[in-house]
Amino acid sequence: MKNKKVVAIFYADARNLSGVKRIGTEVTSVPDDVWNEIDIEVPADLQITSKIEDKNEIFTAKLVFRELCSSLRYRHIAAYKVRLADGSEMLIGNSERPYPVLTKDQNLSSGNSNSQLRELTVTYSDFKDIPYII
């Protein structure tokens, strides 16, 4: 299990990534002009796990972040690019199924605090490892 601190998150329509190819098992390249940045509370968390199920290894990414501006409308078929604290970037999702799943949660407790920010969770599972972007 790897837990990484995320300093920036971008999203794109997954259909715009149809030409993306993997270079080896853990590296990919993506176009630069399809991404929209999400205004987040830094740091966000990215947890990557793997497990063996029916003799197949399954990789799962769980990205949890708080959104500072809740006016963005996310596509249902989206992919996410995350920038880590060390400057490296990772790709969550691609142009093929399975797509990442986005869930939203908002706590409307009393008081003015960051706990009232909308928390979003992106989960993604695939038979391929979550790749770094070069």
Foldseek 3Di string as FASTA:
>chain_A
DDKFWFDWKWKFQQQQQVPKDADPQAETAGDDPGIDTFAWDGTWMWDWDWDADPNAIKIKIKTKTFGPDPPDDDDQQMKMWTATPVGWIWIAAHNDPPGKGKDKDADPDDDDDSSRTIMMMIMGMDSTYTHIYD
